[in-house]
Amino acid sequence: MKLRVVIEYDEQAKSYAAYCPELPGCASCGDTEEEALQNIREAIELYLEPNEFIAEKPSKIVEIAV
């Protein structure tokens, strides 16, 4: 899966910020551009990791591929 990542240098913080526009709230940072990319990759993996969810009856859970 390929996702876009925006990297911006923050002059005030003297570090790089990274976020993924397709995943609201998924952001990270790093002292270097490479570190910011490594950190946002980990943040995206955690964001997309399945979590435990128990549906109320009579709901049903299905999986779809996109």
PDB file of N, CA and C in Angstrom:
ATOM      1  N   MET A   1       0.839  -1.160   0.000  1.00  0.00           N
ATOM      2  CA  MET A   1       0.000   0.000   0.000  1.00  0.00           C
ATOM      3  C   MET A   1       0.895   1.237   0.000  1.00  0.00           C
ATOM      4  N   LYS A   2       0.556   2.196  -0.827  1.00  0.00           N
ATOM      5  CA  LYS A   2       1.308   3.439  -0.869  1.00  0.00           C
ATOM      6  C   LYS A   2       0.423   4.565  -0.354  1.00  0.00           C
ATOM      7  N   LEU A   3       0.979   5.381   0.524  1.00  0.00           N
ATOM      8  CA  LEU A   3       0.285   6.536   1.081  1.00  0.00           C
ATOM      9  C   LEU A   3       1.178   7.760   0.944  1.00  0.00           C
ATOM     10  N   ARG A   4       0.553   8.910   0.806  1.00  0.00           N
ATOM     11  CA  ARG A   4       1.331  10.153   0.734  1.00  0.00           C
ATOM     12  C   ARG A   4       1.725  10.589   2.144  1.00  0.00           C
ATOM     13  N   VAL A   5       2.924  11.149   2.245  1.00  0.00           N
ATOM     14  CA  VAL A   5       3.415  11.707   3.505  1.00  0.00           C
ATOM     15  C   VAL A   5       3.924  13.108   3.219  1.00  0.00           C
ATOM     16  N   VAL A   6       3.495  14.047   4.042  1.00  0.00           N
ATOM     17  CA  VAL A   6       3.951  15.428   3.932  1.00  0.00           C
ATOM     18  C   VAL A   6       5.003  15.651   5.010  1.00  0.00           C
ATOM     19  N   ILE A   7       6.156  16.194   4.601  1.00  0.00           N
ATOM     20  CA  ILE A   7       7.229  16.494   5.547  1.00  0.00           C
ATOM     21  C   ILE A   7       7.494  17.992   5.490  1.00  0.00           C
ATOM     22  N   GLU A   8       7.524  18.599   6.663  1.00  0.00           N
ATOM     23  CA  GLU A   8       7.765  20.041   6.757  1.00  0.00           C
ATOM     24  C   GLU A   8       8.840  20.302   7.811  1.00  0.00           C
ATOM     25  N   TYR A   9       9.720  21.241   7.504  1.00  0.00           N
ATOM     26  CA  TYR A   9      10.723  21.629   8.493  1.00  0.00           C
ATOM     27  C   TYR A   9      10.146  22.742   9.348  1.00  0.00           C
ATOM     28  N   ASP A  10      10.224  22.573  10.652  1.00  0.00           N
ATOM     29  CA  ASP A  10       9.736  23.570  11.601  1.00  0.00           C
ATOM     30  C   ASP A  10      10.939  24.358  12.118  1.00  0.00           C
ATOM     31  N   GLU A  11      11.068  25.571  11.631  1.00  0.00           N
ATOM     32  CA  GLU A  11      12.212  26.411  11.995  1.00  0.00           C
ATOM     33  C   GLU A  11      12.261  26.679  13.498  1.00  0.00           C
ATOM     34  N   GLN A  12      11.114  26.882  14.099  1.00  0.00           N
ATOM     35  CA  GLN A  12      11.062  27.192  15.527  1.00  0.00           C
ATOM     36  C   GLN A  12      11.502  25.988  16.373  1.00  0.00           C
ATOM     37  N   ALA A  13      11.030  24.792  16.012  1.00  0.00           N
ATOM     38  CA  ALA A  13      11.378  23.580  16.761  1.00  0.00           C
ATOM     39  C   ALA A  13      12.702  22.974  16.301  1.00  0.00           C
ATOM     40  N   LYS A  14      13.195  23.419  15.135  1.00  0.00           N
ATOM     41  CA  LYS A  14      14.439  22.885  14.556  1.00  0.00           C
ATOM     42  C   LYS A  14      14.343  21.374  14.338  1.00  0.00           C
ATOM     43  N   SER A  15      13.165  20.931  13.864  1.00  0.00           N
ATOM     44  CA  SER A  15      12.967  19.518  13.568  1.00  0.00           C
ATOM     45  C   SER A  15      11.965  19.379  12.420  1.00  0.00           C
ATOM     46  N   TYR A  16      11.782  18.154  11.976  1.00  0.00           N
ATOM     47  CA  TYR A  16      10.891  17.871  10.851  1.00  0.00           C
ATOM     48  C   TYR A  16       9.585  17.261  11.367  1.00  0.00           C
ATOM     49  N   ALA A  17       8.487  17.721  10.824  1.00  0.00           N
ATOM     50  CA  ALA A  17       7.173  17.153  11.123  1.00  0.00           C
ATOM     51  C   ALA A  17       6.728  16.361   9.907  1.00  0.00           C
ATOM     52  N   ALA A  18       6.034  15.257  10.141  1.00  0.00           N
ATOM     53  CA  ALA A  18       5.529  14.417   9.050  1.00  0.00           C
ATOM     54  C   ALA A  18       4.109  14.001   9.380  1.00  0.00           C
ATOM     55  N   TYR A  19       3.245  14.028   8.356  1.00  0.00           N
ATOM     56  CA  TYR A  19       1.888  13.542   8.547  1.00  0.00           C
ATOM     57  C   TYR A  19       1.365  12.928   7.268  1.00  0.00           C
ATOM     58  N   CYS A  20       0.348  12.086   7.438  1.00  0.00           N
ATOM     59  CA  CYS A  20      -0.259  11.373   6.320  1.00  0.00           C
ATOM     60  C   CYS A  20      -1.664  11.934   6.110  1.00  0.00           C
ATOM     61  N   PRO A  21      -1.914  12.668   5.022  1.00  0.00           N
ATOM     62  CA  PRO A  21      -3.219  13.297   4.807  1.00  0.00           C
ATOM     63  C   PRO A  21      -4.384  12.309   4.757  1.00  0.00           C
ATOM     64  N   GLU A  22      -4.140  11.083   4.305  1.00  0.00           N
ATOM     65  CA  GLU A  22      -5.210  10.087   4.198  1.00  0.00           C
ATOM     66  C   GLU A  22      -5.599   9.475   5.542  1.00  0.00           C
ATOM     67  N   LEU A  23      -4.770   9.662   6.561  1.00  0.00           N
ATOM     68  CA  LEU A  23      -5.018   9.071   7.876  1.00  0.00           C
ATOM     69  C   LEU A  23      -5.098  10.183   8.920  1.00  0.00           C
ATOM     70  N   PRO A  24      -6.271  10.726   9.165  1.00  0.00           N
ATOM     71  CA  PRO A  24      -6.420  11.847  10.100  1.00  0.00           C
ATOM     72  C   PRO A  24      -5.790  11.558  11.460  1.00  0.00           C
ATOM     73  N   GLY A  25      -4.980  12.486  11.920  1.00  0.00           N
ATOM     74  CA  GLY A  25      -4.339  12.349  13.217  1.00  0.00           C
ATOM     75  C   GLY A  25      -3.052  11.553  13.206  1.00  0.00           C
ATOM     76  N   CYS A  26      -2.689  10.992  12.078  1.00  0.00           N
ATOM     77  CA  CYS A  26      -1.466  10.191  11.992  1.00  0.00           C
ATOM     78  C   CYS A  26      -0.302  11.116  11.659  1.00  0.00           C
ATOM     79  N   ALA A  27       0.505  11.410  12.663  1.00  0.00           N
ATOM     80  CA  ALA A  27       1.606  12.352  12.498  1.00  0.00           C
ATOM     81  C   ALA A  27       2.782  11.911  13.360  1.00  0.00           C
ATOM     82  N   SER A  28       3.952  12.423  13.026  1.00  0.00           N
ATOM     83  CA  SER A  28       5.152  12.138  13.791  1.00  0.00           C
ATOM     84  C   SER A  28       6.173  13.234  13.513  1.00  0.00           C
ATOM     85  N   CYS A  29       7.367  13.066  14.050  1.00  0.00           N
ATOM     86  CA  CYS A  29       8.416  14.075  13.833  1.00  0.00           C
ATOM     87  C   CYS A  29       9.780  13.412  13.973  1.00  0.00           C
ATOM     88  N   GLY A  30      10.820  14.177  13.699  1.00  0.00           N
ATOM     89  CA  GLY A  30      12.179  13.688  13.841  1.00  0.00           C
ATOM     90  C   GLY A  30      13.171  14.820  13.705  1.00  0.00           C
ATOM     91  N   ASP A  31      14.368  14.613  14.219  1.00  0.00           N
ATOM     92  CA  ASP A  31      15.413  15.631  14.135  1.00  0.00           C
ATOM     93  C   ASP A  31      15.937  15.797  12.720  1.00  0.00           C
ATOM     94  N   THR A  32      15.840  14.727  11.921  1.00  0.00           N
ATOM     95  CA  THR A  32      16.248  14.785  10.518  1.00  0.00           C
ATOM     96  C   THR A  32      15.072  14.338   9.652  1.00  0.00           C
ATOM     97  N   GLU A  33      15.159  14.615   8.364  1.00  0.00           N
ATOM     98  CA  GLU A  33      14.107  14.179   7.445  1.00  0.00           C
ATOM     99  C   GLU A  33      14.005  12.653   7.430  1.00  0.00           C
ATOM    100  N   GLU A  34      15.149  11.986   7.459  1.00  0.00           N
ATOM    101  CA  GLU A  34      15.162  10.522   7.455  1.00  0.00           C
ATOM    102  C   GLU A  34      14.507   9.962   8.710  1.00  0.00           C
ATOM    103  N   GLU A  35      14.802  10.569   9.865  1.00  0.00           N
ATOM    104  CA  GLU A  35      14.201  10.120  11.114  1.00  0.00           C
ATOM    105  C   GLU A  35      12.688  10.361  11.108  1.00  0.00           C
ATOM    106  N   ALA A  36      12.263  11.488  10.572  1.00  0.00           N
ATOM    107  CA  ALA A  36      10.834  11.782  10.481  1.00  0.00           C
ATOM    108  C   ALA A  36      10.135  10.759   9.595  1.00  0.00           C
ATOM    109  N   LEU A  37      10.760  10.378   8.482  1.00  0.00           N
ATOM    110  CA  LEU A  37      10.181   9.358   7.595  1.00  0.00           C
ATOM    111  C   LEU A  37      10.095   8.002   8.288  1.00  0.00           C
ATOM    112  N   GLN A  38      11.127   7.640   9.008  1.00  0.00           N
ATOM    113  CA  GLN A  38      11.130   6.374   9.739  1.00  0.00           C
ATOM    114  C   GLN A  38      10.028   6.376  10.802  1.00  0.00           C
ATOM    115  N   ASN A  39       9.884   7.494  11.506  1.00  0.00           N
ATOM    116  CA  ASN A  39       8.882   7.593  12.562  1.00  0.00           C
ATOM    117  C   ASN A  39       7.459   7.603  12.011  1.00  0.00           C
ATOM    118  N   ILE A  40       7.223   8.275  10.888  1.00  0.00           N
ATOM    119  CA  ILE A  40       5.868   8.297  10.322  1.00  0.00           C
ATOM    120  C   ILE A  40       5.522   6.923   9.758  1.00  0.00           C
ATOM    121  N   ARG A  41       6.492   6.194   9.247  1.00  0.00           N
ATOM    122  CA  ARG A  41       6.229   4.826   8.772  1.00  0.00           C
ATOM    123  C   ARG A  41       5.726   3.963   9.940  1.00  0.00           C
ATOM    124  N   GLU A  42       6.379   4.073  11.087  1.00  0.00           N
ATOM    125  CA  GLU A  42       5.955   3.325  12.270  1.00  0.00           C
ATOM    126  C   GLU A  42       4.567   3.791  12.734  1.00  0.00           C
ATOM    127  N   ALA A  43       4.322   5.099  12.699  1.00  0.00           N
ATOM    128  CA  ALA A  43       3.017   5.630  13.097  1.00  0.00           C
ATOM    129  C   ALA A  43       1.907   5.103  12.182  1.00  0.00           C
ATOM    130  N   ILE A  44       2.180   5.039  10.878  1.00  0.00           N
ATOM    131  CA  ILE A  44       1.188   4.524   9.918  1.00  0.00           C
ATOM    132  C   ILE A  44       0.913   3.048  10.196  1.00  0.00           C
ATOM    133  N   GLU A  45       1.958   2.264  10.445  1.00  0.00           N
ATOM    134  CA  GLU A  45       1.772   0.842  10.739  1.00  0.00           C
ATOM    135  C   GLU A  45       0.907   0.656  11.986  1.00  0.00           C
ATOM    136  N   LEU A  46       1.158   1.447  13.014  1.00  0.00           N
ATOM    137  CA  LEU A  46       0.356   1.358  14.234  1.00  0.00           C
ATOM    138  C   LEU A  46      -1.072   1.828  13.993  1.00  0.00           C
ATOM    139  N   TYR A  47      -1.239   2.865  13.206  1.00  0.00           N
ATOM    140  CA  TYR A  47      -2.564   3.401  12.884  1.00  0.00           C
ATOM    141  C   TYR A  47      -3.416   2.352  12.184  1.00  0.00           C
ATOM    142  N   LEU A  48      -2.799   1.600  11.279  1.00  0.00           N
ATOM    143  CA  LEU A  48      -3.527   0.618  10.480  1.00  0.00           C
ATOM    144  C   LEU A  48      -3.625  -0.759  11.134  1.00  0.00           C
ATOM    145  N   GLU A  49      -2.959  -0.950  12.272  1.00  0.00           N
ATOM    146  CA  GLU A  49      -2.990  -2.236  12.953  1.00  0.00           C
ATOM    147  C   GLU A  49      -4.397  -2.526  13.476  1.00  0.00           C
ATOM    148  N   PRO A  50      -4.898  -3.730  13.205  1.00  0.00           N
ATOM    149  CA  PRO A  50      -6.239  -4.068  13.694  1.00  0.00           C
ATOM    150  C   PRO A  50      -6.287  -4.039  15.221  1.00  0.00           C
ATOM    151  N   ASN A  51      -7.444  -3.685  15.749  1.00  0.00           N
ATOM    152  CA  ASN A  51      -7.609  -3.697  17.195  1.00  0.00           C
ATOM    153  C   ASN A  51      -8.787  -4.582  17.559  1.00  0.00           C
ATOM    154  N   GLU A  52      -8.855  -4.951  18.816  1.00  0.00           N
ATOM    155  CA  GLU A  52      -9.950  -5.788  19.297  1.00  0.00           C
ATOM    156  C   GLU A  52     -11.235  -4.967  19.293  1.00  0.00           C
ATOM    157  N   PHE A  53     -12.280  -5.543  18.722  1.00  0.00           N
ATOM    158  CA  PHE A  53     -13.565  -4.864  18.674  1.00  0.00           C
ATOM    159  C   PHE A  53     -14.656  -5.909  18.844  1.00  0.00           C
ATOM    160  N   ILE A  54     -15.540  -5.686  19.786  1.00  0.00           N
ATOM    161  CA  ILE A  54     -16.666  -6.594  20.008  1.00  0.00           C
ATOM    162  C   ILE A  54     -17.932  -5.840  19.651  1.00  0.00           C
ATOM    163  N   ALA A  55     -18.650  -6.354  18.657  1.00  0.00           N
ATOM    164  CA  ALA A  55     -19.868  -5.695  18.188  1.00  0.00           C
ATOM    165  C   ALA A  55     -21.050  -6.096  19.061  1.00  0.00           C
ATOM    166  N   GLU A  56     -21.968  -5.169  19.229  1.00  0.00           N
ATOM    167  CA  GLU A  56     -23.207  -5.456  19.935  1.00  0.00           C
ATOM    168  C   GLU A  56     -24.099  -6.317  19.052  1.00  0.00           C
ATOM    169  N   LYS A  57     -24.839  -7.226  19.640  1.00  0.00           N
ATOM    170  CA  LYS A  57     -25.777  -8.042  18.862  1.00  0.00           C
ATOM    171  C   LYS A  57     -26.910  -7.156  18.397  1.00  0.00           C
ATOM    172  N   PRO A  58     -27.477  -7.303  17.262  1.00  0.00           N
ATOM    173  CA  PRO A  58     -27.314  -8.294  16.210  1.00  0.00           C
ATOM    174  C   PRO A  58     -26.342  -7.855  15.127  1.00  0.00           C
ATOM    175  N   SER A  59     -25.330  -7.068  15.452  1.00  0.00           N
ATOM    176  CA  SER A  59     -24.348  -6.603  14.464  1.00  0.00           C
ATOM    177  C   SER A  59     -23.505  -7.749  13.954  1.00  0.00           C
ATOM    178  N   LYS A  60     -22.901  -7.549  12.795  1.00  0.00           N
ATOM    179  CA  LYS A  60     -21.916  -8.514  12.323  1.00  0.00           C
ATOM    180  C   LYS A  60     -20.746  -7.743  11.753  1.00  0.00           C
ATOM    181  N   ILE A  61     -19.577  -8.325  11.842  1.00  0.00           N
ATOM    182  CA  ILE A  61     -18.345  -7.706  11.371  1.00  0.00           C
ATOM    183  C   ILE A  61     -17.897  -8.430  10.117  1.00  0.00           C
ATOM    184  N   VAL A  62     -17.559  -7.663   9.088  1.00  0.00           N
ATOM    185  CA  VAL A  62     -17.042  -8.229   7.849  1.00  0.00           C
ATOM    186  C   VAL A  62     -15.751  -7.493   7.503  1.00  0.00           C
ATOM    187  N   GLU A  63     -14.905  -8.125   6.745  1.00  0.00           N
ATOM    188  CA  GLU A  63     -13.668  -7.504   6.282  1.00  0.00           C
ATOM    189  C   GLU A  63     -13.789  -7.238   4.783  1.00  0.00           C
ATOM    190  N   ILE A  64     -13.228  -6.104   4.343  1.00  0.00           N
ATOM    191  CA  ILE A  64     -13.192  -5.798   2.918  1.00  0.00           C
ATOM    192  C   ILE A  64     -11.773  -5.427   2.535  1.00  0.00           C
ATOM    193  N   ALA A  65     -11.427  -5.654   1.299  1.00  0.00           N
ATOM    194  CA  ALA A  65     -10.127  -5.264   0.777  1.00  0.00           C
ATOM    195  C   ALA A  65     -10.322  -4.042  -0.110  1.00  0.00           C
ATOM    196  N   VAL A  66      -9.436  -3.082   0.046  1.00  0.00           N
ATOM    197  CA  VAL A  66      -9.516  -1.867  -0.791  1.00  0.00           C
ATOM    198  C   VAL A  66      -8.225  -1.673  -1.539  1.00  0.00           C
TER     199      VAL A  66
END
